[in-house]
PDB file of N, CA and C in Angstrom:
ATOM      1  N   MET A   1       0.809  -1.130   0.214  1.00  0.00           N
ATOM      2  CA  MET A   1       0.039   0.006   0.180  1.00  0.00           C
ATOM      3  C   MET A   1       0.762   0.796   0.043  1.00  0.00           C
ATOM      4  N   ALA A   2       0.347   2.197  -0.885  1.00  0.00           N
ATOM      5  CA  ALA A   2       1.103   3.130  -0.974  1.00  0.00           C
ATOM      6  C   ALA A   2       1.009   4.055   0.422  1.00  0.00           C
ATOM      7  N   SER A   3       2.011   5.098   0.568  1.00  0.00           N
ATOM      8  CA  SER A   3       2.336   5.906   1.588  1.00  0.00           C
ATOM      9  C   SER A   3       2.679   7.071   1.424  1.00  0.00           C
ATOM     10  N   VAL A   4       2.686   8.279   2.338  1.00  0.00           N
ATOM     11  CA  VAL A   4       3.368   9.366   2.041  1.00  0.00           C
ATOM     12  C   VAL A   4       4.733   9.127   1.854  1.00  0.00           C
ATOM     13  N   LEU A   5       5.660   8.314   2.651  1.00  0.00           N
ATOM     14  CA  LEU A   5       6.901   7.948   2.445  1.00  0.00           C
ATOM     15  C   LEU A   5       7.330   7.442   1.527  1.00  0.00           C
ATOM     16  N   ASN A   6       6.476   6.751   0.281  1.00  0.00           N
ATOM     17  CA  ASN A   6       7.510   6.753  -0.809  1.00  0.00           C
ATOM     18  C   ASN A   6       6.359   7.513  -2.040  1.00  0.00           C
ATOM     19  N   ILE A   7       5.493   8.345  -1.992  1.00  0.00           N
ATOM     20  CA  ILE A   7       4.745   8.961  -2.868  1.00  0.00           C
ATOM     21  C   ILE A   7       5.512   9.960  -3.793  1.00  0.00           C
ATOM     22  N   ASN A   8       6.980  10.087  -3.739  1.00  0.00           N
ATOM     23  CA  ASN A   8       8.059  10.791  -4.585  1.00  0.00           C
ATOM     24  C   ASN A   8       7.907   9.950  -5.795  1.00  0.00           C
ATOM     25  N   LYS A   9       8.578   8.887  -5.332  1.00  0.00           N
ATOM     26  CA  LYS A   9       8.559   7.690  -6.166  1.00  0.00           C
ATOM     27  C   LYS A   9       7.474   7.357  -7.050  1.00  0.00           C
ATOM     28  N   ILE A  10       6.606   7.112  -6.717  1.00  0.00           N
ATOM     29  CA  ILE A  10       5.471   7.180  -7.261  1.00  0.00           C
ATOM     30  C   ILE A  10       5.023   7.969  -8.403  1.00  0.00           C
ATOM     31  N   LEU A  11       5.070   9.268  -7.811  1.00  0.00           N
ATOM     32  CA  LEU A  11       4.619  10.293  -8.882  1.00  0.00           C
ATOM     33  C   LEU A  11       5.881  10.370  -9.996  1.00  0.00           C
ATOM     34  N   ARG A  12       7.343   9.900  -9.408  1.00  0.00           N
ATOM     35  CA  ARG A  12       7.992  10.006 -10.741  1.00  0.00           C
ATOM     36  C   ARG A  12       7.748   8.690 -11.904  1.00  0.00           C
ATOM     37  N   LYS A  13       7.411   7.729 -11.486  1.00  0.00           N
ATOM     38  CA  LYS A  13       7.048   6.773 -12.264  1.00  0.00           C
ATOM     39  C   LYS A  13       5.678   7.120 -13.133  1.00  0.00           C
ATOM     40  N   HIS A  14       5.145   7.930 -12.506  1.00  0.00           N
ATOM     41  CA  HIS A  14       3.790   8.282 -12.894  1.00  0.00           C
ATOM     42  C   HIS A  14       3.961   9.334 -13.955  1.00  0.00           C
ATOM     43  N   LYS A  15       4.696  10.118 -13.906  1.00  0.00           N
ATOM     44  CA  LYS A  15       5.136  11.179 -15.217  1.00  0.00           C
ATOM     45  C   LYS A  15       5.888  10.438 -16.166  1.00  0.00           C
ATOM     46  N   LEU A  16       6.612   9.474 -15.833  1.00  0.00           N
ATOM     47  CA  LEU A  16       7.570   8.571 -17.259  1.00  0.00           C
ATOM     48  C   LEU A  16       5.909   8.205 -17.977  1.00  0.00           C
ATOM     49  N   TRP A  17       5.167   7.453 -17.355  1.00  0.00           N
ATOM     50  CA  TRP A  17       4.126   6.940 -17.844  1.00  0.00           C
ATOM     51  C   TRP A  17       3.523   7.768 -18.440  1.00  0.00           C
ATOM     52  N   LEU A  18       3.010   8.879 -17.949  1.00  0.00           N
ATOM     53  CA  LEU A  18       2.274  10.106 -18.886  1.00  0.00           C
ATOM     54  C   LEU A  18       3.165  10.395 -20.159  1.00  0.00           C
ATOM     55  N   GLU A  19       4.187  10.553 -20.080  1.00  0.00           N
ATOM     56  CA  GLU A  19       5.234  10.819 -21.144  1.00  0.00           C
ATOM     57  C   GLU A  19       5.272   9.622 -22.243  1.00  0.00           C
ATOM     58  N   GLY A  20       4.762   8.363 -21.510  1.00  0.00           N
ATOM     59  CA  GLY A  20       5.310   7.282 -22.582  1.00  0.00           C
ATOM     60  C   GLY A  20       6.732   6.672 -22.051  1.00  0.00           C
ATOM     61  N   ASP A  21       7.379   6.974 -21.233  1.00  0.00           N
ATOM     62  CA  ASP A  21       8.584   6.746 -21.176  1.00  0.00           C
ATOM     63  C   ASP A  21       8.909   5.464 -20.472  1.00  0.00           C
ATOM     64  N   VAL A  22       9.995   4.655 -20.747  1.00  0.00           N
ATOM     65  CA  VAL A  22      10.282   3.389 -20.597  1.00  0.00           C
ATOM     66  C   VAL A  22      10.626   3.502 -19.077  1.00  0.00           C
ATOM     67  N   GLY A  23      10.135   2.334 -18.464  1.00  0.00           N
ATOM     68  CA  GLY A  23      10.100   2.513 -16.752  1.00  0.00           C
ATOM     69  C   GLY A  23       8.794   3.375 -16.003  1.00  0.00           C
ATOM     70  N   GLY A  24       7.861   3.736 -17.096  1.00  0.00           N
ATOM     71  CA  GLY A  24       6.618   4.251 -16.559  1.00  0.00           C
ATOM     72  C   GLY A  24       5.769   3.241 -15.808  1.00  0.00           C
ATOM     73  N   GLU A  25       4.860   4.202 -14.864  1.00  0.00           N
ATOM     74  CA  GLU A  25       3.868   3.007 -14.469  1.00  0.00           C
ATOM     75  C   GLU A  25       2.995   3.796 -14.002  1.00  0.00           C
ATOM     76  N   LYS A  26       1.705   3.799 -14.222  1.00  0.00           N
ATOM     77  CA  LYS A  26       0.624   4.595 -13.707  1.00  0.00           C
ATOM     78  C   LYS A  26       0.473   4.205 -12.206  1.00  0.00           C
ATOM     79  N   ALA A  27       0.316   5.520 -11.590  1.00  0.00           N
ATOM     80  CA  ALA A  27       0.032   5.812 -10.243  1.00  0.00           C
ATOM     81  C   ALA A  27      -0.950   5.025  -9.990  1.00  0.00           C
ATOM     82  N   ASP A  28      -0.820   3.802  -8.900  1.00  0.00           N
ATOM     83  CA  ASP A  28      -1.553   3.280  -8.413  1.00  0.00           C
ATOM     84  C   ASP A  28      -1.704   3.475  -6.843  1.00  0.00           C
ATOM     85  N   LEU A  29      -2.661   4.525  -6.187  1.00  0.00           N
ATOM     86  CA  LEU A  29      -2.876   5.002  -5.218  1.00  0.00           C
ATOM     87  C   LEU A  29      -3.868   4.517  -4.455  1.00  0.00           C
ATOM     88  N   GLU A  30      -4.708   3.286  -4.739  1.00  0.00           N
ATOM     89  CA  GLU A  30      -5.922   2.630  -4.362  1.00  0.00           C
ATOM     90  C   GLU A  30      -5.661   2.549  -2.524  1.00  0.00           C
ATOM     91  N   ASP A  31      -6.248   3.120  -1.816  1.00  0.00           N
ATOM     92  CA  ASP A  31      -6.432   2.786  -0.245  1.00  0.00           C
ATOM     93  C   ASP A  31      -5.174   3.419   0.192  1.00  0.00           C
ATOM     94  N   ALA A  32      -4.327   4.215  -0.530  1.00  0.00           N
ATOM     95  CA  ALA A  32      -3.060   4.886   0.235  1.00  0.00           C
ATOM     96  C   ALA A  32      -3.393   5.903   1.216  1.00  0.00           C
ATOM     97  N   ASN A  33      -2.765   5.567   2.222  1.00  0.00           N
ATOM     98  CA  ASN A  33      -2.615   6.577   3.436  1.00  0.00           C
ATOM     99  C   ASN A  33      -1.677   7.620   3.012  1.00  0.00           C
ATOM    100  N   LEU A  34      -2.334   8.863   2.371  1.00  0.00           N
ATOM    101  CA  LEU A  34      -2.024  10.275   2.194  1.00  0.00           C
ATOM    102  C   LEU A  34      -2.292  11.149   3.089  1.00  0.00           C
ATOM    103  N   ARG A  35      -2.849  11.185   4.309  1.00  0.00           N
ATOM    104  CA  ARG A  35      -3.311  11.902   5.424  1.00  0.00           C
ATOM    105  C   ARG A  35      -2.284  13.060   5.397  1.00  0.00           C
ATOM    106  N   GLY A  36      -2.471  14.306   4.632  1.00  0.00           N
ATOM    107  CA  GLY A  36      -1.618  15.494   5.413  1.00  0.00           C
ATOM    108  C   GLY A  36      -0.472  15.657   4.140  1.00  0.00           C
ATOM    109  N   ALA A  37      -0.680  15.088   3.133  1.00  0.00           N
ATOM    110  CA  ALA A  37       0.449  14.800   2.235  1.00  0.00           C
ATOM    111  C   ALA A  37       0.727  16.530   1.461  1.00  0.00           C
ATOM    112  N   ASN A  38       1.971  16.529   1.139  1.00  0.00           N
ATOM    113  CA  ASN A  38       1.924  17.670   0.406  1.00  0.00           C
ATOM    114  C   ASN A  38       2.124  17.239  -1.338  1.00  0.00           C
ATOM    115  N   LEU A  39       0.837  17.438  -1.666  1.00  0.00           N
ATOM    116  CA  LEU A  39       0.877  17.023  -3.341  1.00  0.00           C
ATOM    117  C   LEU A  39       0.665  18.279  -4.035  1.00  0.00           C
ATOM    118  N   ARG A  40       0.810  19.652  -3.483  1.00  0.00           N
ATOM    119  CA  ARG A  40       0.821  20.785  -4.218  1.00  0.00           C
ATOM    120  C   ARG A  40       1.636  20.637  -5.723  1.00  0.00           C
ATOM    121  N   GLY A  41       0.636  21.094  -6.451  1.00  0.00           N
ATOM    122  CA  GLY A  41       1.178  20.898  -8.214  1.00  0.00           C
ATOM    123  C   GLY A  41       1.310  19.693  -8.838  1.00  0.00           C
ATOM    124  N   ALA A  42       1.319  18.177  -7.971  1.00  0.00           N
ATOM    125  CA  ALA A  42       1.322  16.898  -8.669  1.00  0.00           C
ATOM    126  C   ALA A  42       0.294  16.864  -9.795  1.00  0.00           C
ATOM    127  N   ASP A  43       1.087  16.071 -10.331  1.00  0.00           N
ATOM    128  CA  ASP A  43       0.699  15.684 -11.677  1.00  0.00           C
ATOM    129  C   ASP A  43      -0.170  14.237 -11.635  1.00  0.00           C
ATOM    130  N   LEU A  44      -1.130  14.420 -11.324  1.00  0.00           N
ATOM    131  CA  LEU A  44      -1.892  12.858 -11.158  1.00  0.00           C
ATOM    132  C   LEU A  44      -2.891  12.619 -12.299  1.00  0.00           C
ATOM    133  N   ARG A  45      -2.566  12.937 -13.198  1.00  0.00           N
ATOM    134  CA  ARG A  45      -3.520  12.784 -14.326  1.00  0.00           C
ATOM    135  C   ARG A  45      -3.994  11.319 -14.522  1.00  0.00           C
ATOM    136  N   GLY A  46      -5.308  10.631 -14.545  1.00  0.00           N
ATOM    137  CA  GLY A  46      -5.597   9.518 -14.499  1.00  0.00           C
ATOM    138  C   GLY A  46      -4.977   8.229 -13.579  1.00  0.00           C
ATOM    139  N   ALA A  47      -4.702   9.216 -12.585  1.00  0.00           N
ATOM    140  CA  ALA A  47      -3.937   8.011 -11.414  1.00  0.00           C
ATOM    141  C   ALA A  47      -5.451   7.841 -10.712  1.00  0.00           C
ATOM    142  N   ASP A  48      -5.096   6.129 -10.179  1.00  0.00           N
ATOM    143  CA  ASP A  48      -6.187   5.629  -9.339  1.00  0.00           C
ATOM    144  C   ASP A  48      -5.836   5.998  -7.738  1.00  0.00           C
ATOM    145  N   LEU A  49      -6.726   6.440  -7.419  1.00  0.00           N
ATOM    146  CA  LEU A  49      -6.457   6.877  -5.949  1.00  0.00           C
ATOM    147  C   LEU A  49      -8.409   6.868  -5.074  1.00  0.00           C
ATOM    148  N   GLN A  50      -8.771   5.140  -5.808  1.00  0.00           N
ATOM    149  CA  GLN A  50     -10.137   5.038  -5.108  1.00  0.00           C
ATOM    150  C   GLN A  50      -9.516   4.551  -3.333  1.00  0.00           C
ATOM    151  N   GLY A  51     -10.537   5.026  -2.997  1.00  0.00           N
ATOM    152  CA  GLY A  51     -10.575   4.894  -1.290  1.00  0.00           C
ATOM    153  C   GLY A  51      -9.040   5.585  -0.582  1.00  0.00           C
ATOM    154  N   ALA A  52      -8.332   6.386  -1.179  1.00  0.00           N
ATOM    155  CA  ALA A  52      -7.370   6.791  -0.533  1.00  0.00           C
ATOM    156  C   ALA A  52      -7.633   7.913   0.684  1.00  0.00           C
ATOM    157  N   ASP A  53      -7.105   7.928   1.646  1.00  0.00           N
ATOM    158  CA  ASP A  53      -7.265   8.535   2.787  1.00  0.00           C
ATOM    159  C   ASP A  53      -6.266  10.168   2.398  1.00  0.00           C
ATOM    160  N   LEU A  54      -7.358  10.943   2.010  1.00  0.00           N
ATOM    161  CA  LEU A  54      -6.416  12.166   1.686  1.00  0.00           C
ATOM    162  C   LEU A  54      -6.740  13.156   2.268  1.00  0.00           C
ATOM    163  N   ARG A  55      -7.316  12.773   3.953  1.00  0.00           N
ATOM    164  CA  ARG A  55      -7.867  13.857   4.796  1.00  0.00           C
ATOM    165  C   ARG A  55      -6.638  15.410   4.859  1.00  0.00           C
ATOM    166  N   GLY A  56      -6.884  16.434   4.877  1.00  0.00           N
ATOM    167  CA  GLY A  56      -6.157  17.511   5.216  1.00  0.00           C
ATOM    168  C   GLY A  56      -4.932  17.487   4.414  1.00  0.00           C
ATOM    169  N   ALA A  57      -4.645  16.781   2.791  1.00  0.00           N
ATOM    170  CA  ALA A  57      -3.943  16.894   2.040  1.00  0.00           C
ATOM    171  C   ALA A  57      -4.050  18.087   1.130  1.00  0.00           C
ATOM    172  N   ASP A  58      -2.407  18.617   1.229  1.00  0.00           N
ATOM    173  CA  ASP A  58      -2.346  19.723  -0.125  1.00  0.00           C
ATOM    174  C   ASP A  58      -2.292  19.175  -1.298  1.00  0.00           C
ATOM    175  N   LEU A  59      -3.920  19.776  -1.849  1.00  0.00           N
ATOM    176  CA  LEU A  59      -4.171  19.184  -3.655  1.00  0.00           C
ATOM    177  C   LEU A  59      -3.679  20.542  -4.448  1.00  0.00           C
ATOM    178  N   GLN A  60      -3.173  21.700  -3.585  1.00  0.00           N
ATOM    179  CA  GLN A  60      -3.534  22.871  -4.363  1.00  0.00           C
ATOM    180  C   GLN A  60      -2.828  22.989  -5.864  1.00  0.00           C
ATOM    181  N   ASP A  61      -3.450  23.237  -6.626  1.00  0.00           N
ATOM    182  CA  ASP A  61      -3.030  22.985  -8.457  1.00  0.00           C
ATOM    183  C   ASP A  61      -2.346  22.010  -8.792  1.00  0.00           C
ATOM    184  N   ALA A  62      -3.083  20.761  -8.356  1.00  0.00           N
ATOM    185  CA  ALA A  62      -2.998  19.535  -8.697  1.00  0.00           C
ATOM    186  C   ALA A  62      -3.605  19.054  -9.725  1.00  0.00           C
ATOM    187  N   ASP A  63      -3.081  18.417 -10.635  1.00  0.00           N
ATOM    188  CA  ASP A  63      -4.194  17.872 -11.983  1.00  0.00           C
ATOM    189  C   ASP A  63      -4.499  16.686 -11.429  1.00  0.00           C
ATOM    190  N   LEU A  64      -5.614  16.620 -11.348  1.00  0.00           N
ATOM    191  CA  LEU A  64      -6.464  15.331 -11.546  1.00  0.00           C
ATOM    192  C   LEU A  64      -7.353  15.067 -12.310  1.00  0.00           C
ATOM    193  N   LEU A  65      -6.743  15.499 -13.473  1.00  0.00           N
ATOM    194  CA  LEU A  65      -7.583  15.330 -14.639  1.00  0.00           C
ATOM    195  C   LEU A  65      -7.710  13.567 -15.010  1.00  0.00           C
ATOM    196  N   ARG A  66      -9.278  13.368 -15.185  1.00  0.00           N
ATOM    197  CA  ARG A  66      -9.293  12.044 -15.307  1.00  0.00           C
ATOM    198  C   ARG A  66      -8.917  10.735 -14.224  1.00  0.00           C
ATOM    199  N   ALA A  67      -8.660  11.565 -12.734  1.00  0.00           N
ATOM    200  CA  ALA A  67      -8.272  10.625 -11.740  1.00  0.00           C
ATOM    201  C   ALA A  67      -9.378  10.093 -11.310  1.00  0.00           C
ATOM    202  N   ASP A  68      -9.353   8.825 -10.727  1.00  0.00           N
ATOM    203  CA  ASP A  68     -10.223   8.081  -9.982  1.00  0.00           C
ATOM    204  C   ASP A  68     -10.206   8.136  -8.873  1.00  0.00           C
ATOM    205  N   LEU A  69     -11.038   9.229  -8.227  1.00  0.00           N
ATOM    206  CA  LEU A  69     -11.453   9.088  -6.453  1.00  0.00           C
ATOM    207  C   LEU A  69     -12.425   8.725  -6.077  1.00  0.00           C
ATOM    208  N   ARG A  70     -12.954   7.552  -6.330  1.00  0.00           N
ATOM    209  CA  ARG A  70     -14.086   7.258  -5.750  1.00  0.00           C
ATOM    210  C   ARG A  70     -13.716   6.480  -4.477  1.00  0.00           C
ATOM    211  N   GLY A  71     -14.822   7.022  -3.647  1.00  0.00           N
ATOM    212  CA  GLY A  71     -14.835   6.615  -2.199  1.00  0.00           C
ATOM    213  C   GLY A  71     -13.486   7.229  -1.233  1.00  0.00           C
ATOM    214  N   ALA A  72     -12.799   8.027  -2.395  1.00  0.00           N
ATOM    215  CA  ALA A  72     -11.721   8.537  -1.247  1.00  0.00           C
ATOM    216  C   ALA A  72     -12.201   9.725  -0.296  1.00  0.00           C
ATOM    217  N   ASP A  73     -11.413   9.849   0.894  1.00  0.00           N
ATOM    218  CA  ASP A  73     -11.577  10.540   1.772  1.00  0.00           C
ATOM    219  C   ASP A  73     -10.836  11.930   1.825  1.00  0.00           C
ATOM    220  N   LEU A  74     -11.635  12.998   1.174  1.00  0.00           N
ATOM    221  CA  LEU A  74     -10.920  14.210   0.989  1.00  0.00           C
ATOM    222  C   LEU A  74     -11.160  15.555   2.435  1.00  0.00           C
ATOM    223  N   GLN A  75     -11.527  14.782   3.005  1.00  0.00           N
ATOM    224  CA  GLN A  75     -12.270  15.988   4.100  1.00  0.00           C
ATOM    225  C   GLN A  75     -11.132  16.909   4.418  1.00  0.00           C
ATOM    226  N   GLY A  76     -11.072  18.101   4.680  1.00  0.00           N
ATOM    227  CA  GLY A  76     -10.158  19.007   4.578  1.00  0.00           C
ATOM    228  C   GLY A  76      -9.026  19.337   3.921  1.00  0.00           C
ATOM    229  N   ALA A  77      -9.215  18.686   2.707  1.00  0.00           N
ATOM    230  CA  ALA A  77      -7.992  18.719   1.866  1.00  0.00           C
ATOM    231  C   ALA A  77      -8.305  20.121   1.166  1.00  0.00           C
ATOM    232  N   ASP A  78      -7.210  20.679   0.496  1.00  0.00           N
ATOM    233  CA  ASP A  78      -7.146  21.771  -0.214  1.00  0.00           C
ATOM    234  C   ASP A  78      -6.954  21.635  -1.656  1.00  0.00           C
ATOM    235  N   LEU A  79      -8.100  21.770  -2.135  1.00  0.00           N
ATOM    236  CA  LEU A  79      -8.512  21.897  -3.563  1.00  0.00           C
ATOM    237  C   LEU A  79      -8.167  22.810  -4.264  1.00  0.00           C
ATOM    238  N   ARG A  80      -7.675  24.326  -3.720  1.00  0.00           N
ATOM    239  CA  ARG A  80      -8.121  25.294  -4.125  1.00  0.00           C
ATOM    240  C   ARG A  80      -6.983  25.415  -5.749  1.00  0.00           C
ATOM    241  N   GLY A  81      -7.481  25.327  -6.994  1.00  0.00           N
ATOM    242  CA  GLY A  81      -6.835  25.453  -8.133  1.00  0.00           C
ATOM    243  C   GLY A  81      -6.605  24.360  -8.665  1.00  0.00           C
ATOM    244  N   ALA A  82      -7.083  23.146  -7.833  1.00  0.00           N
ATOM    245  CA  ALA A  82      -6.826  21.541  -8.690  1.00  0.00           C
ATOM    246  C   ALA A  82      -7.804  21.484  -9.918  1.00  0.00           C
ATOM    247  N   ASP A  83      -7.193  20.634 -10.779  1.00  0.00           N
ATOM    248  CA  ASP A  83      -8.124  20.226 -11.896  1.00  0.00           C
ATOM    249  C   ASP A  83      -8.764  19.303 -11.580  1.00  0.00           C
ATOM    250  N   LEU A  84      -9.744  19.272 -11.573  1.00  0.00           N
ATOM    251  CA  LEU A  84     -10.846  17.764 -11.140  1.00  0.00           C
ATOM    252  C   LEU A  84     -11.536  17.401 -12.229  1.00  0.00           C
ATOM    253  N   GLN A  85     -11.728  18.227 -13.779  1.00  0.00           N
ATOM    254  CA  GLN A  85     -12.331  17.827 -14.821  1.00  0.00           C
ATOM    255  C   GLN A  85     -12.211  16.025 -15.568  1.00  0.00           C
ATOM    256  N   ASP A  86     -13.556  15.627 -15.207  1.00  0.00           N
ATOM    257  CA  ASP A  86     -13.863  14.269 -15.442  1.00  0.00           C
ATOM    258  C   ASP A  86     -13.086  13.219 -14.459  1.00  0.00           C
ATOM    259  N   ALA A  87     -12.760  14.090 -13.053  1.00  0.00           N
ATOM    260  CA  ALA A  87     -12.498  13.172 -12.121  1.00  0.00           C
ATOM    261  C   ALA A  87     -13.466  12.587 -11.765  1.00  0.00           C
ATOM    262  N   ASP A  88     -13.571  10.923 -11.381  1.00  0.00           N
ATOM    263  CA  ASP A  88     -14.593  10.737 -10.925  1.00  0.00           C
ATOM    264  C   ASP A  88     -14.482  10.310  -9.518  1.00  0.00           C
ATOM    265  N   LEU A  89     -15.771  11.078  -8.883  1.00  0.00           N
ATOM    266  CA  LEU A  89     -15.686  11.646  -7.241  1.00  0.00           C
ATOM    267  C   LEU A  89     -17.229  10.641  -6.630  1.00  0.00           C
ATOM    268  N   ARG A  90     -17.691   9.928  -7.360  1.00  0.00           N
ATOM    269  CA  ARG A  90     -18.704   8.883  -6.764  1.00  0.00           C
ATOM    270  C   ARG A  90     -18.189   8.607  -5.582  1.00  0.00           C
ATOM    271  N   GLY A  91     -19.082   8.934  -4.464  1.00  0.00           N
ATOM    272  CA  GLY A  91     -18.729   8.366  -3.147  1.00  0.00           C
ATOM    273  C   GLY A  91     -17.524   9.160  -2.164  1.00  0.00           C
ATOM    274  N   ALA A  92     -16.992   9.870  -3.314  1.00  0.00           N
ATOM    275  CA  ALA A  92     -15.496  10.539  -2.064  1.00  0.00           C
ATOM    276  C   ALA A  92     -16.294  11.456  -0.998  1.00  0.00           C
ATOM    277  N   ASP A  93     -15.377  11.989  -0.085  1.00  0.00           N
ATOM    278  CA  ASP A  93     -16.045  12.609   0.738  1.00  0.00           C
ATOM    279  C   ASP A  93     -15.171  13.841   1.151  1.00  0.00           C
ATOM    280  N   LEU A  94     -15.674  15.004   0.687  1.00  0.00           N
ATOM    281  CA  LEU A  94     -15.701  16.438   0.398  1.00  0.00           C
ATOM    282  C   LEU A  94     -15.604  17.381   1.066  1.00  0.00           C
ATOM    283  N   ARG A  95     -16.328  16.685   2.455  1.00  0.00           N
ATOM    284  CA  ARG A  95     -16.500  17.919   3.625  1.00  0.00           C
ATOM    285  C   ARG A  95     -15.678  18.745   4.003  1.00  0.00           C
ATOM    286  N   HIS A  96     -15.749  20.059   4.246  1.00  0.00           N
ATOM    287  CA  HIS A  96     -14.660  20.575   4.830  1.00  0.00           C
ATOM    288  C   HIS A  96     -13.445  21.174   3.774  1.00  0.00           C
ATOM    289  N   CYS A  97     -13.592  20.627   2.410  1.00  0.00           N
ATOM    290  CA  CYS A  97     -12.429  21.090   1.626  1.00  0.00           C
ATOM    291  C   CYS A  97     -12.375  22.420   1.203  1.00  0.00           C
ATOM    292  N   LEU A  98     -11.148  23.067   0.915  1.00  0.00           N
ATOM    293  CA  LEU A  98     -10.881  24.277   0.287  1.00  0.00           C
ATOM    294  C   LEU A  98     -11.024  24.258  -1.199  1.00  0.00           C
ATOM    295  N   SER A  99     -12.184  24.869  -1.487  1.00  0.00           N
ATOM    296  CA  SER A  99     -11.870  25.255  -3.233  1.00  0.00           C
ATOM    297  C   SER A  99     -11.607  26.741  -3.911  1.00  0.00           C
TER     298      SER A  99
END
């Protein structure tokens, strides 16, 4: 399970995947514990964040285009400037988010 501790490695591989480069891998952050994580400006286009714990996470200016956030807990997350276009937010908890 992914956590705040290895998020940078996952983001690097995801960037390679988005660019179609060798060694790239789509970010699989399903059920990840990312509570309070600093993901400001992160490129998470198309990432799997189903059921992720993102309570209090800083997602300002993050690119979440087409990200799968079904069932994610985003309580208190900072979503100001985040691109949530076509993101799947079914069942996501968005209470007390900054937007």
